[in-house]
Amino acid sequence: MAQKVILVDDLDHSEGDDVARREFPLLNRTFSIDLSDANQQRLSEALAFIDEVLENAREVKQASRAKKAADASPRLRGYTQTDVREWAREQGLDVPARGKMSDEVVEQFIAAHPDASPDAGPDAGPDAAAEDSTGESAADHTEASAGTAAPRVEAAVPA
């Protein structure tokens, strides 16, 4: 059985024998639309007008913010810059309140905290500190002294 395809004009939704798929270029892209001969003429006039406008216009480039180059390698593992600043102040070192710290301060921090080295193994870090004689880690002491410690829940682990 034969089928008849009826194209409908995408602009005015009219049907007719003059409706056809039309392609047109605009801004380095190609578009396709079903148009009657009358609407194709309107499109051609509009595109000619746009071409004339573009010939007399100039492109405006969007201003962009300068992007900081990402630090290729992390300088610390498991510690923040705030941790380093606090430690440095405790040691009597002069550090800025904000911004980049000197490499010497970071190197001294890493020397005092070997687990902060970016070369340290995956188990290293401030949370992997050894437990003291009470069975609490340094992280437990920090939480308790901050007054924000969550209640400890201990579960029996089968042997």
C-alpha atoms as a PDB file:
ATOM      1  CA  MET A   1       0.000   0.000   0.000  1.00  0.00           C
ATOM      2  CA  ALA A   2       1.384   3.417  -0.886  1.00  0.00           C
ATOM      3  CA  GLN A   3       1.583   6.193   1.669  1.00  0.00           C
ATOM      4  CA  LYS A   4       1.456   9.862   0.993  1.00  0.00           C
ATOM      5  CA  VAL A   5       3.569  12.210   3.084  1.00  0.00           C
ATOM      6  CA  ILE A   6       2.036  15.619   3.629  1.00  0.00           C
ATOM      7  CA  LEU A   7       4.486  18.302   4.724  1.00  0.00           C
ATOM      8  CA  VAL A   8       3.182  21.108   6.910  1.00  0.00           C
ATOM      9  CA  ASP A   9       4.768  24.570   6.965  1.00  0.00           C
ATOM     10  CA  ASP A  10       6.533  24.942  10.324  1.00  0.00           C
ATOM     11  CA  LEU A  11       5.715  28.673  10.537  1.00  0.00           C
ATOM     12  CA  ASP A  12       2.044  28.989   9.580  1.00  0.00           C
ATOM     13  CA  HIS A  13       1.028  25.299   9.733  1.00  0.00           C
ATOM     14  CA  SER A  14      -0.365  25.356   6.195  1.00  0.00           C
ATOM     15  CA  GLU A  15      -0.326  22.340   3.894  1.00  0.00           C
ATOM     16  CA  GLY A  16       0.365  22.514   0.208  1.00  0.00           C
ATOM     17  CA  ASP A  17       2.299  21.144  -2.709  1.00  0.00           C
ATOM     18  CA  ASP A  18       4.835  23.958  -2.352  1.00  0.00           C
ATOM     19  CA  VAL A  19       5.869  22.993   1.192  1.00  0.00           C
ATOM     20  CA  ALA A  20       9.357  21.480   1.244  1.00  0.00           C
ATOM     21  CA  ARG A  21      12.248  20.879   3.605  1.00  0.00           C
ATOM     22  CA  ARG A  22      14.599  23.865   3.322  1.00  0.00           C
ATOM     23  CA  GLU A  23      18.104  24.128   4.701  1.00  0.00           C
ATOM     24  CA  PHE A  24      19.842  27.403   5.455  1.00  0.00           C
ATOM     25  CA  PRO A  25      23.184  28.418   6.970  1.00  0.00           C
ATOM     26  CA  LEU A  26      23.391  30.821   9.895  1.00  0.00           C
ATOM     27  CA  LEU A  27      26.397  31.639  12.086  1.00  0.00           C
ATOM     28  CA  ASN A  28      28.463  28.692  10.835  1.00  0.00           C
ATOM     29  CA  ARG A  29      25.644  26.212  11.478  1.00  0.00           C
ATOM     30  CA  THR A  30      23.104  24.645   9.142  1.00  0.00           C
ATOM     31  CA  PHE A  31      19.419  24.551  10.027  1.00  0.00           C
ATOM     32  CA  SER A  32      16.491  22.738   8.435  1.00  0.00           C
ATOM     33  CA  ILE A  33      12.799  23.723   8.382  1.00  0.00           C
ATOM     34  CA  ASP A  34       9.665  22.846   6.378  1.00  0.00           C
ATOM     35  CA  LEU A  35       8.444  25.972   4.554  1.00  0.00           C
ATOM     36  CA  SER A  36       6.090  26.977   1.778  1.00  0.00           C
ATOM     37  CA  ASP A  37       7.452  29.016  -1.122  1.00  0.00           C
ATOM     38  CA  ALA A  38       6.061  32.238   0.407  1.00  0.00           C
ATOM     39  CA  ASN A  39       7.683  31.597   3.796  1.00  0.00           C
ATOM     40  CA  GLN A  40      10.912  30.523   2.083  1.00  0.00           C
ATOM     41  CA  GLN A  41      10.949  33.959   0.399  1.00  0.00           C
ATOM     42  CA  ARG A  42      10.439  35.660   3.790  1.00  0.00           C
ATOM     43  CA  LEU A  43      13.279  33.586   5.284  1.00  0.00           C
ATOM     44  CA  SER A  44      15.602  34.466   2.397  1.00  0.00           C
ATOM     45  CA  GLU A  45      14.878  38.182   2.888  1.00  0.00           C
ATOM     46  CA  ALA A  46      15.459  37.893   6.631  1.00  0.00           C
ATOM     47  CA  LEU A  47      18.758  36.064   6.119  1.00  0.00           C
ATOM     48  CA  ALA A  48      19.894  38.686   3.592  1.00  0.00           C
ATOM     49  CA  PHE A  49      19.091  41.393   6.166  1.00  0.00           C
ATOM     50  CA  ILE A  50      21.010  39.495   8.869  1.00  0.00           C
ATOM     51  CA  ASP A  51      24.009  39.136   6.524  1.00  0.00           C
ATOM     52  CA  GLU A  52      23.972  42.905   5.921  1.00  0.00           C
ATOM     53  CA  VAL A  53      23.757  43.614   9.642  1.00  0.00           C
ATOM     54  CA  LEU A  54      26.614  41.220  10.432  1.00  0.00           C
ATOM     55  CA  GLU A  55      28.822  42.836   7.785  1.00  0.00           C
ATOM     56  CA  ASN A  56      28.444  46.192   9.561  1.00  0.00           C
ATOM     57  CA  ALA A  57      28.584  44.926  13.140  1.00  0.00           C
ATOM     58  CA  ARG A  58      31.527  43.925  15.274  1.00  0.00           C
ATOM     59  CA  GLU A  59      31.697  41.001  17.633  1.00  0.00           C
ATOM     60  CA  VAL A  60      31.779  41.716  21.355  1.00  0.00           C
ATOM     61  CA  LYS A  61      33.964  39.338  23.298  1.00  0.00           C
ATOM     62  CA  GLN A  62      32.763  38.374  26.737  1.00  0.00           C
ATOM     63  CA  ALA A  63      35.100  39.523  29.485  1.00  0.00           C
ATOM     64  CA  SER A  64      36.434  36.610  31.454  1.00  0.00           C
ATOM     65  CA  ARG A  65      38.015  36.308  34.843  1.00  0.00           C
ATOM     66  CA  ALA A  66      41.584  35.206  34.989  1.00  0.00           C
ATOM     67  CA  LYS A  67      41.828  31.645  36.167  1.00  0.00           C
ATOM     68  CA  LYS A  68      44.353  30.617  38.736  1.00  0.00           C
ATOM     69  CA  ALA A  69      46.574  27.803  37.683  1.00  0.00           C
ATOM     70  CA  ALA A  70      45.705  24.775  39.753  1.00  0.00           C
ATOM     71  CA  ASP A  71      48.483  23.519  41.964  1.00  0.00           C
ATOM     72  CA  ALA A  72      49.650  20.440  40.092  1.00  0.00           C
ATOM     73  CA  SER A  73      50.615  18.566  43.224  1.00  0.00           C
ATOM     74  CA  PRO A  74      49.018  18.901  46.632  1.00  0.00           C
ATOM     75  CA  ARG A  75      51.411  20.235  49.240  1.00  0.00           C
ATOM     76  CA  LEU A  76      49.664  18.587  52.179  1.00  0.00           C
ATOM     77  CA  ARG A  77      47.812  15.351  52.741  1.00  0.00           C
ATOM     78  CA  GLY A  78      45.012  15.281  55.297  1.00  0.00           C
ATOM     79  CA  TYR A  79      45.589  18.801  56.642  1.00  0.00           C
ATOM     80  CA  THR A  80      44.198  22.186  55.692  1.00  0.00           C
ATOM     81  CA  GLN A  81      45.974  25.502  55.330  1.00  0.00           C
ATOM     82  CA  THR A  82      44.206  26.543  58.552  1.00  0.00           C
ATOM     83  CA  ASP A  83      45.868  23.617  60.360  1.00  0.00           C
ATOM     84  CA  VAL A  84      49.257  24.791  59.118  1.00  0.00           C
ATOM     85  CA  ARG A  85      48.578  28.414  60.154  1.00  0.00           C
ATOM     86  CA  GLU A  86      47.504  27.368  63.663  1.00  0.00           C
ATOM     87  CA  TRP A  87      50.552  25.134  64.083  1.00  0.00           C
ATOM     88  CA  ALA A  88      52.877  27.880  62.788  1.00  0.00           C
ATOM     89  CA  ARG A  89      51.423  30.433  65.206  1.00  0.00           C
ATOM     90  CA  GLU A  90      51.874  27.949  68.093  1.00  0.00           C
ATOM     91  CA  GLN A  91      55.521  27.632  67.021  1.00  0.00           C
ATOM     92  CA  GLY A  92      55.911  31.430  67.029  1.00  0.00           C
ATOM     93  CA  LEU A  93      56.259  31.640  63.264  1.00  0.00           C
ATOM     94  CA  ASP A  94      54.926  34.676  61.408  1.00  0.00           C
ATOM     95  CA  VAL A  95      52.256  33.635  58.870  1.00  0.00           C
ATOM     96  CA  PRO A  96      49.770  35.773  56.953  1.00  0.00           C
ATOM     97  CA  ALA A  97      46.111  35.589  57.973  1.00  0.00           C
ATOM     98  CA  ARG A  98      45.181  34.840  54.372  1.00  0.00           C
ATOM     99  CA  GLY A  99      46.866  33.941  51.128  1.00  0.00           C
ATOM    100  CA  LYS A 100      49.883  31.848  50.296  1.00  0.00           C
ATOM    101  CA  MET A 101      52.192  30.725  53.030  1.00  0.00           C
ATOM    102  CA  SER A 102      55.914  30.494  52.471  1.00  0.00           C
ATOM    103  CA  ASP A 103      57.313  27.192  51.329  1.00  0.00           C
ATOM    104  CA  GLU A 104      59.567  27.146  54.387  1.00  0.00           C
ATOM    105  CA  VAL A 105      56.578  27.148  56.769  1.00  0.00           C
ATOM    106  CA  VAL A 106      54.898  24.341  54.850  1.00  0.00           C
ATOM    107  CA  GLU A 107      58.136  22.336  54.798  1.00  0.00           C
ATOM    108  CA  GLN A 108      58.556  22.814  58.579  1.00  0.00           C
ATOM    109  CA  PHE A 109      54.954  21.646  59.108  1.00  0.00           C
ATOM    110  CA  ILE A 110      55.571  18.540  57.013  1.00  0.00           C
ATOM    111  CA  ALA A 111      58.794  17.853  58.936  1.00  0.00           C
ATOM    112  CA  ALA A 112      56.815  18.051  62.198  1.00  0.00           C
ATOM    113  CA  HIS A 113      53.909  16.044  60.719  1.00  0.00           C
ATOM    114  CA  PRO A 114      55.372  13.380  58.386  1.00  0.00           C
ATOM    115  CA  ASP A 115      51.885  12.091  57.614  1.00  0.00           C
ATOM    116  CA  ALA A 116      51.154  15.471  55.913  1.00  0.00           C
ATOM    117  CA  SER A 117      53.645  14.758  53.153  1.00  0.00           C
ATOM    118  CA  PRO A 118      51.944  14.306  49.763  1.00  0.00           C
ATOM    119  CA  ASP A 119      54.214  11.258  49.385  1.00  0.00           C
ATOM    120  CA  ALA A 120      52.810   9.664  52.566  1.00  0.00           C
ATOM    121  CA  GLY A 121      50.938   6.404  52.114  1.00  0.00           C
ATOM    122  CA  PRO A 122      47.129   6.211  51.942  1.00  0.00           C
ATOM    123  CA  ASP A 123      46.859   5.180  55.611  1.00  0.00           C
ATOM    124  CA  ALA A 124      48.742   8.274  56.748  1.00  0.00           C
ATOM    125  CA  GLY A 125      46.875  11.341  57.872  1.00  0.00           C
ATOM    126  CA  PRO A 126      45.756  13.127  60.993  1.00  0.00           C
ATOM    127  CA  ASP A 127      43.034  10.534  61.653  1.00  0.00           C
ATOM    128  CA  ALA A 128      45.547   7.690  61.567  1.00  0.00           C
ATOM    129  CA  ALA A 129      47.403   8.974  64.635  1.00  0.00           C
ATOM    130  CA  ALA A 130      48.387   6.438  67.257  1.00  0.00           C
ATOM    131  CA  GLU A 131      46.201   6.027  70.321  1.00  0.00           C
ATOM    132  CA  ASP A 132      47.441   7.290  73.661  1.00  0.00           C
ATOM    133  CA  SER A 133      47.431   5.336  76.929  1.00  0.00           C
ATOM    134  CA  THR A 134      43.662   5.898  77.374  1.00  0.00           C
ATOM    135  CA  GLY A 135      42.937   4.319  74.007  1.00  0.00           C
ATOM    136  CA  GLU A 136      41.912   7.644  72.456  1.00  0.00           C
ATOM    137  CA  SER A 137      43.477   9.092  69.365  1.00  0.00           C
ATOM    138  CA  ALA A 138      44.589  12.689  68.938  1.00  0.00           C
ATOM    139  CA  ALA A 139      41.439  13.258  66.860  1.00  0.00           C
ATOM    140  CA  ASP A 140      39.319  12.157  69.846  1.00  0.00           C
ATOM    141  CA  HIS A 141      41.126  14.671  72.073  1.00  0.00           C
ATOM    142  CA  THR A 142      40.595  17.417  69.510  1.00  0.00           C
ATOM    143  CA  GLU A 143      36.868  16.706  69.274  1.00  0.00           C
ATOM    144  CA  ALA A 144      36.482  16.558  73.046  1.00  0.00           C
ATOM    145  CA  SER A 145      38.364  19.807  73.577  1.00  0.00           C
ATOM    146  CA  ALA A 146      36.264  21.537  70.930  1.00  0.00           C
ATOM    147  CA  GLY A 147      33.087  20.610  72.837  1.00  0.00           C
ATOM    148  CA  THR A 148      31.467  19.297  69.684  1.00  0.00           C
ATOM    149  CA  ALA A 149      32.238  15.644  70.076  1.00  0.00           C
ATOM    150  CA  ALA A 150      29.456  13.291  69.180  1.00  0.00           C
ATOM    151  CA  PRO A 151      28.690  10.632  71.771  1.00  0.00           C
ATOM    152  CA  ARG A 152      30.997   7.671  71.370  1.00  0.00           C
ATOM    153  CA  VAL A 153      29.286   4.501  70.382  1.00  0.00           C
ATOM    154  CA  GLU A 154      31.305   1.384  70.836  1.00  0.00           C
ATOM    155  CA  ALA A 155      30.219  -1.860  69.299  1.00  0.00           C
ATOM    156  CA  ALA A 156      31.451  -5.302  70.174  1.00  0.00           C
ATOM    157  CA  VAL A 157      33.340  -6.801  67.276  1.00  0.00           C
ATOM    158  CA  PRO A 158      33.259 -10.594  67.028  1.00  0.00           C
ATOM    159  CA  ALA A 159      36.698 -12.163  67.172  1.00  0.00           C
END
